[in-house]
Amino acid sequence: AGAVPDPELPVLTIADLGILRDVRIVGGTAEIDITPTYSGCP
């Protein structure tokens, strides 16, 4: 999940950008939490 590039800044991954917040597996389903760099980020 963290290796996904930011679409506006493809030299950054979402992990390096710091928007990847949490990953977990709940009931066999992967859940990934992300935070926008600002509200309304397209």
ModelCIF file with pLDDT and N, C-alpha, C, O atoms, coordinates in Angstrom:
data_MODEL
#
_entry.id   MODEL 
#
_entity.id                         1 
_entity.type                       polymer 
_entity.pdbx_number_of_molecules   1 
#
_entity_poly.entity_id                      1 
_entity_poly.type                           'polypeptide(L)' 
_entity_poly.nstd_linkage                   no 
_entity_poly.nstd_monomer                   no 
_entity_poly.pdbx_seq_one_letter_code       AGAVPDPELPVLTIADLGILRDVRIVGGTAEIDITPTYSGCP 
_entity_poly.pdbx_seq_one_letter_code_can   AGAVPDPELPVLTIADLGILRDVRIVGGTAEIDITPTYSGCP 
_entity_poly.pdbx_strand_id                 A 
#
loop_
_entity_poly_seq.entity_id 
_entity_poly_seq.num 
_entity_poly_seq.mon_id 
_entity_poly_seq.hetero 
1 1  ALA n 
1 2  GLY n 
1 3  ALA n 
1 4  VAL n 
1 5  PRO n 
1 6  ASP n 
1 7  PRO n 
1 8  GLU n 
1 9  LEU n 
1 10 PRO n 
1 11 VAL n 
1 12 LEU n 
1 13 THR n 
1 14 ILE n 
1 15 ALA n 
1 16 ASP n 
1 17 LEU n 
1 18 GLY n 
1 19 ILE n 
1 20 LEU n 
1 21 ARG n 
1 22 ASP n 
1 23 VAL n 
1 24 ARG n 
1 25 ILE n 
1 26 VAL n 
1 27 GLY n 
1 28 GLY n 
1 29 THR n 
1 30 ALA n 
1 31 GLU n 
1 32 ILE n 
1 33 ASP n 
1 34 ILE n 
1 35 THR n 
1 36 PRO n 
1 37 THR n 
1 38 TYR n 
1 39 SER n 
1 40 GLY n 
1 41 CYS n 
1 42 PRO n 
#
_struct_asym.id          A 
_struct_asym.entity_id   1 
#
loop_
_ma_qa_metric.id 
_ma_qa_metric.mode 
_ma_qa_metric.name 
_ma_qa_metric.software_group_id 
_ma_qa_metric.type 
1 global pLDDT . pLDDT 
2 local  pLDDT . pLDDT 
#
_ma_qa_metric_global.metric_id      1 
_ma_qa_metric_global.metric_value   93.69 
_ma_qa_metric_global.model_id       1 
_ma_qa_metric_global.ordinal_id     1 
#
loop_
_ma_qa_metric_local.label_asym_id 
_ma_qa_metric_local.label_comp_id 
_ma_qa_metric_local.label_seq_id 
_ma_qa_metric_local.metric_id 
_ma_qa_metric_local.metric_value 
_ma_qa_metric_local.model_id 
_ma_qa_metric_local.ordinal_id 
A ALA 1  2 98.00 1 1  
A GLY 2  2 98.00 1 2  
A ALA 3  2 98.00 1 3  
A VAL 4  2 98.00 1 4  
A PRO 5  2 97.00 1 5  
A ASP 6  2 95.00 1 6  
A PRO 7  2 93.00 1 7  
A GLU 8  2 89.00 1 8  
A LEU 9  2 90.00 1 9  
A PRO 10 2 92.00 1 10 
A VAL 11 2 95.00 1 11 
A LEU 12 2 96.00 1 12 
A THR 13 2 97.00 1 13 
A ILE 14 2 98.00 1 14 
A ALA 15 2 98.00 1 15 
A ASP 16 2 96.00 1 16 
A LEU 17 2 95.00 1 17 
A GLY 18 2 95.00 1 18 
A ILE 19 2 96.00 1 19 
A LEU 20 2 98.00 1 20 
A ARG 21 2 97.00 1 21 
A ASP 22 2 96.00 1 22 
A VAL 23 2 96.00 1 23 
A ARG 24 2 95.00 1 24 
A ILE 25 2 92.00 1 25 
A VAL 26 2 92.00 1 26 
A GLY 27 2 91.00 1 27 
A GLY 28 2 90.00 1 28 
A THR 29 2 94.00 1 29 
A ALA 30 2 95.00 1 30 
A GLU 31 2 97.00 1 31 
A ILE 32 2 98.00 1 32 
A ASP 33 2 98.00 1 33 
A ILE 34 2 98.00 1 34 
A THR 35 2 96.00 1 35 
A PRO 36 2 94.00 1 36 
A THR 37 2 89.00 1 37 
A TYR 38 2 84.00 1 38 
A SER 39 2 80.00 1 39 
A GLY 40 2 81.00 1 40 
A CYS 41 2 85.00 1 41 
A PRO 42 2 85.00 1 42 
#
loop_
_atom_site.group_PDB 
_atom_site.id 
_atom_site.type_symbol 
_atom_site.label_atom_id 
_atom_site.label_alt_id 
_atom_site.label_comp_id 
_atom_site.label_asym_id 
_atom_site.label_entity_id 
_atom_site.label_seq_id 
_atom_site.pdbx_PDB_ins_code 
_atom_site.Cartn_x 
_atom_site.Cartn_y 
_atom_site.Cartn_z 
_atom_site.occupancy 
_atom_site.B_iso_or_equiv 
_atom_site.pdbx_formal_charge 
_atom_site.auth_seq_id 
_atom_site.auth_comp_id 
_atom_site.auth_asym_id 
_atom_site.auth_atom_id 
_atom_site.pdbx_PDB_model_num 
ATOM 1   N N  . ALA A 1 1  ? 0.833   -1.208  0.000   1.00 98.00 ? 1  ALA A N  1 
ATOM 2   C CA . ALA A 1 1  ? 0.000   0.000   0.000   1.00 98.00 ? 1  ALA A CA 1 
ATOM 3   C C  . ALA A 1 1  ? 0.867   1.257   0.000   1.00 98.00 ? 1  ALA A C  1 
ATOM 4   O O  . ALA A 1 1  ? 0.571   2.220   -0.708  1.00 98.00 ? 1  ALA A O  1 
ATOM 5   N N  . GLY A 1 2  ? 1.930   1.246   0.788   1.00 98.00 ? 2  GLY A N  1 
ATOM 6   C CA . GLY A 1 2  ? 2.793   2.414   0.907   1.00 98.00 ? 2  GLY A CA 1 
ATOM 7   C C  . GLY A 1 2  ? 3.557   2.756   -0.351  1.00 98.00 ? 2  GLY A C  1 
ATOM 8   O O  . GLY A 1 2  ? 3.999   3.893   -0.518  1.00 98.00 ? 2  GLY A O  1 
ATOM 9   N N  . ALA A 1 3  ? 3.721   1.786   -1.244  1.00 98.00 ? 3  ALA A N  1 
ATOM 10  C CA . ALA A 1 3  ? 4.473   2.016   -2.483  1.00 98.00 ? 3  ALA A CA 1 
ATOM 11  C C  . ALA A 1 3  ? 3.657   2.713   -3.567  1.00 98.00 ? 3  ALA A C  1 
ATOM 12  O O  . ALA A 1 3  ? 4.197   3.049   -4.621  1.00 98.00 ? 3  ALA A O  1 
ATOM 13  N N  . VAL A 1 4  ? 2.379   2.931   -3.329  1.00 98.00 ? 4  VAL A N  1 
ATOM 14  C CA . VAL A 1 4  ? 1.531   3.608   -4.320  1.00 98.00 ? 4  VAL A CA 1 
ATOM 15  C C  . VAL A 1 4  ? 2.029   5.043   -4.472  1.00 98.00 ? 4  VAL A C  1 
ATOM 16  O O  . VAL A 1 4  ? 2.202   5.748   -3.478  1.00 98.00 ? 4  VAL A O  1 
ATOM 17  N N  . PRO A 1 5  ? 2.262   5.480   -5.714  1.00 97.00 ? 5  PRO A N  1 
ATOM 18  C CA . PRO A 1 5  ? 2.751   6.854   -5.908  1.00 97.00 ? 5  PRO A CA 1 
ATOM 19  C C  . PRO A 1 5  ? 1.631   7.880   -5.765  1.00 97.00 ? 5  PRO A C  1 
ATOM 20  O O  . PRO A 1 5  ? 0.466   7.591   -6.037  1.00 97.00 ? 5  PRO A O  1 
ATOM 21  N N  . ASP A 1 6  ? 2.001   9.061   -5.339  1.00 95.00 ? 6  ASP A N  1 
ATOM 22  C CA . ASP A 1 6  ? 1.064   10.182  -5.305  1.00 95.00 ? 6  ASP A CA 1 
ATOM 23  C C  . ASP A 1 6  ? 0.808   10.597  -6.755  1.00 95.00 ? 6  ASP A C  1 
ATOM 24  O O  . ASP A 1 6  ? 1.768   10.815  -7.494  1.00 95.00 ? 6  ASP A O  1 
ATOM 25  N N  . PRO A 1 7  ? -0.454  10.714  -7.191  1.00 93.00 ? 7  PRO A N  1 
ATOM 26  C CA . PRO A 1 7  ? -0.715  11.040  -8.599  1.00 93.00 ? 7  PRO A CA 1 
ATOM 27  C C  . PRO A 1 7  ? -0.282  12.443  -9.016  1.00 93.00 ? 7  PRO A C  1 
ATOM 28  O O  . PRO A 1 7  ? -0.029  12.681  -10.197 1.00 93.00 ? 7  PRO A O  1 
ATOM 29  N N  . GLU A 1 8  ? -0.192  13.377  -8.065  1.00 89.00 ? 8  GLU A N  1 
ATOM 30  C CA . GLU A 1 8  ? 0.234   14.733  -8.401  1.00 89.00 ? 8  GLU A CA 1 
ATOM 31  C C  . GLU A 1 8  ? 1.749   14.894  -8.314  1.00 89.00 ? 8  GLU A C  1 
ATOM 32  O O  . GLU A 1 8  ? 2.326   15.762  -8.970  1.00 89.00 ? 8  GLU A O  1 
ATOM 33  N N  . LEU A 1 9  ? 2.381   14.064  -7.511  1.00 90.00 ? 9  LEU A N  1 
ATOM 34  C CA . LEU A 1 9  ? 3.838   14.098  -7.329  1.00 90.00 ? 9  LEU A CA 1 
ATOM 35  C C  . LEU A 1 9  ? 4.348   12.662  -7.421  1.00 90.00 ? 9  LEU A C  1 
ATOM 36  O O  . LEU A 1 9  ? 4.645   12.050  -6.395  1.00 90.00 ? 9  LEU A O  1 
ATOM 37  N N  . PRO A 1 10 ? 4.454   12.117  -8.623  1.00 92.00 ? 10 PRO A N  1 
ATOM 38  C CA . PRO A 1 10 ? 4.775   10.696  -8.777  1.00 92.00 ? 10 PRO A CA 1 
ATOM 39  C C  . PRO A 1 10 ? 6.149   10.273  -8.266  1.00 92.00 ? 10 PRO A C  1 
ATOM 40  O O  . PRO A 1 10 ? 6.442   9.078   -8.224  1.00 92.00 ? 10 PRO A O  1 
ATOM 41  N N  . VAL A 1 11 ? 6.991   11.215  -7.880  1.00 95.00 ? 11 VAL A N  1 
ATOM 42  C CA . VAL A 1 11 ? 8.281   10.845  -7.286  1.00 95.00 ? 11 VAL A CA 1 
ATOM 43  C C  . VAL A 1 11 ? 8.130   10.492  -5.812  1.00 95.00 ? 11 VAL A C  1 
ATOM 44  O O  . VAL A 1 11 ? 9.086   10.040  -5.183  1.00 95.00 ? 11 VAL A O  1 
ATOM 45  N N  . LEU A 1 12 ? 6.928   10.697  -5.252  1.00 96.00 ? 12 LEU A N  1 
ATOM 46  C CA . LEU A 1 12 ? 6.673   10.385  -3.853  1.00 96.00 ? 12 LEU A CA 1 
ATOM 47  C C  . LEU A 1 12 ? 5.703   9.223   -3.724  1.00 96.00 ? 12 LEU A C  1 
ATOM 48  O O  . LEU A 1 12 ? 4.725   9.131   -4.465  1.00 96.00 ? 12 LEU A O  1 
ATOM 49  N N  . THR A 1 13 ? 5.980   8.342   -2.782  1.00 97.00 ? 13 THR A N  1 
ATOM 50  C CA . THR A 1 13 ? 5.007   7.309   -2.446  1.00 97.00 ? 13 THR A CA 1 
ATOM 51  C C  . THR A 1 13 ? 4.105   7.869   -1.356  1.00 97.00 ? 13 THR A C  1 
ATOM 52  O O  . THR A 1 13 ? 4.431   8.864   -0.709  1.00 97.00 ? 13 THR A O  1 
ATOM 53  N N  . ILE A 1 14 ? 2.960   7.210   -1.164  1.00 98.00 ? 14 ILE A N  1 
ATOM 54  C CA . ILE A 1 14 ? 2.072   7.700   -0.113  1.00 98.00 ? 14 ILE A CA 1 
ATOM 55  C C  . ILE A 1 14 ? 2.665   7.452   1.266   1.00 98.00 ? 14 ILE A C  1 
ATOM 56  O O  . ILE A 1 14 ? 2.322   8.152   2.219   1.00 98.00 ? 14 ILE A O  1 
ATOM 57  N N  . ALA A 1 15 ? 3.546   6.471   1.388   1.00 98.00 ? 15 ALA A N  1 
ATOM 58  C CA . ALA A 1 15 ? 4.235   6.256   2.672   1.00 98.00 ? 15 ALA A CA 1 
ATOM 59  C C  . ALA A 1 15 ? 5.218   7.391   2.935   1.00 98.00 ? 15 ALA A C  1 
ATOM 60  O O  . ALA A 1 15 ? 5.250   7.941   4.035   1.00 98.00 ? 15 ALA A O  1 
ATOM 61  N N  . ASP A 1 16 ? 6.025   7.746   1.924   1.00 96.00 ? 16 ASP A N  1 
ATOM 62  C CA . ASP A 1 16 ? 6.987   8.833   2.109   1.00 96.00 ? 16 ASP A CA 1 
ATOM 63  C C  . ASP A 1 16 ? 6.299   10.179  2.317   1.00 96.00 ? 16 ASP A C  1 
ATOM 64  O O  . ASP A 1 16 ? 6.794   11.031  3.055   1.00 96.00 ? 16 ASP A O  1 
ATOM 65  N N  . LEU A 1 17 ? 5.163   10.362  1.664   1.00 95.00 ? 17 LEU A N  1 
ATOM 66  C CA . LEU A 1 17 ? 4.408   11.599  1.836   1.00 95.00 ? 17 LEU A CA 1 
ATOM 67  C C  . LEU A 1 17 ? 3.776   11.661  3.223   1.00 95.00 ? 17 LEU A C  1 
ATOM 68  O O  . LEU A 1 17 ? 3.489   12.744  3.732   1.00 95.00 ? 17 LEU A O  1 
ATOM 69  N N  . GLY A 1 18 ? 3.564   10.506  3.826   1.00 95.00 ? 18 GLY A N  1 
ATOM 70  C CA . GLY A 1 18 ? 3.026   10.458  5.185   1.00 95.00 ? 18 GLY A CA 1 
ATOM 71  C C  . GLY A 1 18 ? 1.514   10.414  5.254   1.00 95.00 ? 18 GLY A C  1 
ATOM 72  O O  . GLY A 1 18 ? 0.942   10.681  6.311   1.00 95.00 ? 18 GLY A O  1 
ATOM 73  N N  . ILE A 1 19 ? 0.847   10.081  4.147   1.00 96.00 ? 19 ILE A N  1 
ATOM 74  C CA . ILE A 1 19 ? -0.613  9.999   4.194   1.00 96.00 ? 19 ILE A CA 1 
ATOM 75  C C  . ILE A 1 19 ? -1.109  8.580   4.476   1.00 96.00 ? 19 ILE A C  1 
ATOM 76  O O  . ILE A 1 19 ? -2.294  8.385   4.750   1.00 96.00 ? 19 ILE A O  1 
ATOM 77  N N  . LEU A 1 20 ? -0.223  7.593   4.412   1.00 98.00 ? 20 LEU A N  1 
ATOM 78  C CA . LEU A 1 20 ? -0.593  6.232   4.803   1.00 98.00 ? 20 LEU A CA 1 
ATOM 79  C C  . LEU A 1 20 ? -0.569  6.186   6.323   1.00 98.00 ? 20 LEU A C  1 
ATOM 80  O O  . LEU A 1 20 ? 0.493   6.327   6.928   1.00 98.00 ? 20 LEU A O  1 
ATOM 81  N N  . ARG A 1 21 ? -1.715  5.993   6.942   1.00 97.00 ? 21 ARG A N  1 
ATOM 82  C CA . ARG A 1 21 ? -1.810  6.070   8.388   1.00 97.00 ? 21 ARG A CA 1 
ATOM 83  C C  . ARG A 1 21 ? -1.771  4.710   9.070   1.00 97.00 ? 21 ARG A C  1 
ATOM 84  O O  . ARG A 1 21 ? -1.059  4.533   10.058  1.00 97.00 ? 21 ARG A O  1 
ATOM 85  N N  . ASP A 1 22 ? -2.534  3.744   8.549   1.00 96.00 ? 22 ASP A N  1 
ATOM 86  C CA . ASP A 1 22 ? -2.604  2.459   9.237   1.00 96.00 ? 22 ASP A CA 1 
ATOM 87  C C  . ASP A 1 22 ? -2.997  1.381   8.246   1.00 96.00 ? 22 ASP A C  1 
ATOM 88  O O  . ASP A 1 22 ? -3.686  1.645   7.261   1.00 96.00 ? 22 ASP A O  1 
ATOM 89  N N  . VAL A 1 23 ? -2.556  0.179   8.516   1.00 96.00 ? 23 VAL A N  1 
ATOM 90  C CA . VAL A 1 23 ? -3.000  -0.999  7.770   1.00 96.00 ? 23 VAL A CA 1 
ATOM 91  C C  . VAL A 1 23 ? -3.338  -2.071  8.791   1.00 96.00 ? 23 VAL A C  1 
ATOM 92  O O  . VAL A 1 23 ? -2.698  -2.182  9.836   1.00 96.00 ? 23 VAL A O  1 
ATOM 93  N N  . ARG A 1 24 ? -4.350  -2.854  8.471   1.00 95.00 ? 24 ARG A N  1 
ATOM 94  C CA . ARG A 1 24 ? -4.740  -3.958  9.341   1.00 95.00 ? 24 ARG A CA 1 
ATOM 95  C C  . ARG A 1 24 ? -5.556  -4.949  8.528   1.00 95.00 ? 24 ARG A C  1 
ATOM 96  O O  . ARG A 1 24 ? -6.018  -4.645  7.428   1.00 95.00 ? 24 ARG A O  1 
ATOM 97  N N  . ILE A 1 25 ? -5.722  -6.115  9.076   1.00 92.00 ? 25 ILE A N  1 
ATOM 98  C CA . ILE A 1 25 ? -6.585  -7.126  8.459   1.00 92.00 ? 25 ILE A CA 1 
ATOM 99  C C  . ILE A 1 25 ? -7.684  -7.425  9.458   1.00 92.00 ? 25 ILE A C  1 
ATOM 100 O O  . ILE A 1 25 ? -7.427  -7.883  10.571  1.00 92.00 ? 25 ILE A O  1 
ATOM 101 N N  . VAL A 1 26 ? -8.914  -7.160  9.041   1.00 92.00 ? 26 VAL A N  1 
ATOM 102 C CA . VAL A 1 26 ? -10.079 -7.345  9.902   1.00 92.00 ? 26 VAL A CA 1 
ATOM 103 C C  . VAL A 1 26 ? -11.013 -8.346  9.232   1.00 92.00 ? 26 VAL A C  1 
ATOM 104 O O  . VAL A 1 26 ? -11.546 -8.086  8.154   1.00 92.00 ? 26 VAL A O  1 
ATOM 105 N N  . GLY A 1 27 ? -11.205 -9.480  9.875   1.00 91.00 ? 27 GLY A N  1 
ATOM 106 C CA . GLY A 1 27 ? -12.093 -10.497 9.312   1.00 91.00 ? 27 GLY A CA 1 
ATOM 107 C C  . GLY A 1 27 ? -11.664 -10.949 7.927   1.00 91.00 ? 27 GLY A C  1 
ATOM 108 O O  . GLY A 1 27 ? -12.510 -11.250 7.085   1.00 91.00 ? 27 GLY A O  1 
ATOM 109 N N  . GLY A 1 28 ? -10.380 -10.999 7.684   1.00 90.00 ? 28 GLY A N  1 
ATOM 110 C CA . GLY A 1 28 ? -9.862  -11.429 6.384   1.00 90.00 ? 28 GLY A CA 1 
ATOM 111 C C  . GLY A 1 28 ? -9.790  -10.338 5.332   1.00 90.00 ? 28 GLY A C  1 
ATOM 112 O O  . GLY A 1 28 ? -9.331  -10.593 4.218   1.00 90.00 ? 28 GLY A O  1 
ATOM 113 N N  . THR A 1 29 ? -10.232 -9.125  5.655   1.00 94.00 ? 29 THR A N  1 
ATOM 114 C CA . THR A 1 29 ? -10.211 -8.019  4.701   1.00 94.00 ? 29 THR A CA 1 
ATOM 115 C C  . THR A 1 29 ? -9.120  -7.024  5.088   1.00 94.00 ? 29 THR A C  1 
ATOM 116 O O  . THR A 1 29 ? -9.022  -6.609  6.243   1.00 94.00 ? 29 THR A O  1 
ATOM 117 N N  . ALA A 1 30 ? -8.312  -6.653  4.116   1.00 95.00 ? 30 ALA A N  1 
ATOM 118 C CA . ALA A 1 30 ? -7.290  -5.630  4.348   1.00 95.00 ? 30 ALA A CA 1 
ATOM 119 C C  . ALA A 1 30 ? -7.979  -4.279  4.459   1.00 95.00 ? 30 ALA A C  1 
ATOM 120 O O  . ALA A 1 30 ? -8.818  -3.925  3.630   1.00 95.00 ? 30 ALA A O  1 
ATOM 121 N N  . GLU A 1 31 ? -7.617  -3.537  5.485   1.00 97.00 ? 31 GLU A N  1 
ATOM 122 C CA . GLU A 1 31 ? -8.116  -2.172  5.657   1.00 97.00 ? 31 GLU A CA 1 
ATOM 123 C C  . GLU A 1 31 ? -6.922  -1.234  5.682   1.00 97.00 ? 31 GLU A C  1 
ATOM 124 O O  . GLU A 1 31 ? -5.932  -1.478  6.371   1.00 97.00 ? 31 GLU A O  1 
ATOM 125 N N  . ILE A 1 32 ? -7.035  -0.166  4.925   1.00 98.00 ? 32 ILE A N  1 
ATOM 126 C CA . ILE A 1 32 ? -5.960  0.810   4.822   1.00 98.00 ? 32 ILE A CA 1 
ATOM 127 C C  . ILE A 1 32 ? -6.537  2.185   5.139   1.00 98.00 ? 32 ILE A C  1 
ATOM 128 O O  . ILE A 1 32 ? -7.536  2.595   4.548   1.00 98.00 ? 32 ILE A O  1 
ATOM 129 N N  . ASP A 1 33 ? -5.911  2.891   6.066   1.00 98.00 ? 33 ASP A N  1 
ATOM 130 C CA . ASP A 1 33 ? -6.321  4.253   6.422   1.00 98.00 ? 33 ASP A CA 1 
ATOM 131 C C  . ASP A 1 33 ? -5.365  5.252   5.790   1.00 98.00 ? 33 ASP A C  1 
ATOM 132 O O  . ASP A 1 33 ? -4.145  5.113   5.883   1.00 98.00 ? 33 ASP A O  1 
ATOM 133 N N  . ILE A 1 34 ? -5.942  6.264   5.144   1.00 98.00 ? 34 ILE A N  1 
ATOM 134 C CA . ILE A 1 34 ? -5.146  7.336   4.548   1.00 98.00 ? 34 ILE A CA 1 
ATOM 135 C C  . ILE A 1 34 ? -5.718  8.682   4.992   1.00 98.00 ? 34 ILE A C  1 
ATOM 136 O O  . ILE A 1 34 ? -6.899  8.793   5.321   1.00 98.00 ? 34 ILE A O  1 
ATOM 137 N N  . THR A 1 35 ? -4.867  9.689   4.993   1.00 96.00 ? 35 THR A N  1 
ATOM 138 C CA . THR A 1 35 ? -5.263  11.044  5.376   1.00 96.00 ? 35 THR A CA 1 
ATOM 139 C C  . THR A 1 35 ? -4.915  11.989  4.238   1.00 96.00 ? 35 THR A C  1 
ATOM 140 O O  . THR A 1 35 ? -3.792  11.952  3.735   1.00 96.00 ? 35 THR A O  1 
ATOM 141 N N  . PRO A 1 36 ? -5.848  12.833  3.819   1.00 94.00 ? 36 PRO A N  1 
ATOM 142 C CA . PRO A 1 36 ? -5.539  13.783  2.741   1.00 94.00 ? 36 PRO A CA 1 
ATOM 143 C C  . PRO A 1 36 ? -4.552  14.843  3.217   1.00 94.00 ? 36 PRO A C  1 
ATOM 144 O O  . PRO A 1 36 ? -4.488  15.169  4.402   1.00 94.00 ? 36 PRO A O  1 
ATOM 145 N N  . THR A 1 37 ? -3.793  15.366  2.277   1.00 89.00 ? 37 THR A N  1 
ATOM 146 C CA . THR A 1 37 ? -2.869  16.443  2.627   1.00 89.00 ? 37 THR A CA 1 
ATOM 147 C C  . THR A 1 37 ? -3.633  17.705  3.009   1.00 89.00 ? 37 THR A C  1 
ATOM 148 O O  . THR A 1 37 ? -3.124  18.535  3.761   1.00 89.00 ? 37 THR A O  1 
ATOM 149 N N  . TYR A 1 38 ? -4.839  17.851  2.501   1.00 84.00 ? 38 TYR A N  1 
ATOM 150 C CA . TYR A 1 38 ? -5.740  18.912  2.940   1.00 84.00 ? 38 TYR A CA 1 
ATOM 151 C C  . TYR A 1 38 ? -7.165  18.485  2.600   1.00 84.00 ? 38 TYR A C  1 
ATOM 152 O O  . TYR A 1 38 ? -7.372  17.695  1.679   1.00 84.00 ? 38 TYR A O  1 
ATOM 153 N N  . SER A 1 39 ? -8.144  19.003  3.336   1.00 80.00 ? 39 SER A N  1 
ATOM 154 C CA . SER A 1 39 ? -9.538  18.643  3.088   1.00 80.00 ? 39 SER A CA 1 
ATOM 155 C C  . SER A 1 39 ? -9.912  19.009  1.664   1.00 80.00 ? 39 SER A C  1 
ATOM 156 O O  . SER A 1 39 ? -9.630  20.112  1.196   1.00 80.00 ? 39 SER A O  1 
ATOM 157 N N  . GLY A 1 40 ? -10.539 18.088  0.994   1.00 81.00 ? 40 GLY A N  1 
ATOM 158 C CA . GLY A 1 40 ? -10.955 18.330  -0.378  1.00 81.00 ? 40 GLY A CA 1 
ATOM 159 C C  . GLY A 1 40 ? -9.892  18.031  -1.411  1.00 81.00 ? 40 GLY A C  1 
ATOM 160 O O  . GLY A 1 40 ? -10.068 18.376  -2.579  1.00 81.00 ? 40 GLY A O  1 
ATOM 161 N N  . CYS A 1 41 ? -8.789  17.400  -1.022  1.00 85.00 ? 41 CYS A N  1 
ATOM 162 C CA . CYS A 1 41 ? -7.717  17.084  -1.969  1.00 85.00 ? 41 CYS A CA 1 
ATOM 163 C C  . CYS A 1 41 ? -8.276  16.209  -3.091  1.00 85.00 ? 41 CYS A C  1 
ATOM 164 O O  . CYS A 1 41 ? -8.776  15.116  -2.826  1.00 85.00 ? 41 CYS A O  1 
ATOM 165 N N  . PRO A 1 42 ? -8.198  16.675  -4.340  1.00 85.00 ? 42 PRO A N  1 
ATOM 166 C CA . PRO A 1 42 ? -8.785  15.926  -5.449  1.00 85.00 ? 42 PRO A CA 1 
ATOM 167 C C  . PRO A 1 42 ? -8.037  14.633  -5.783  1.00 85.00 ? 42 PRO A C  1 
ATOM 168 O O  . PRO A 1 42 ? -8.432  13.910  -6.698  1.00 85.00 ? 42 PRO A O  1 
#
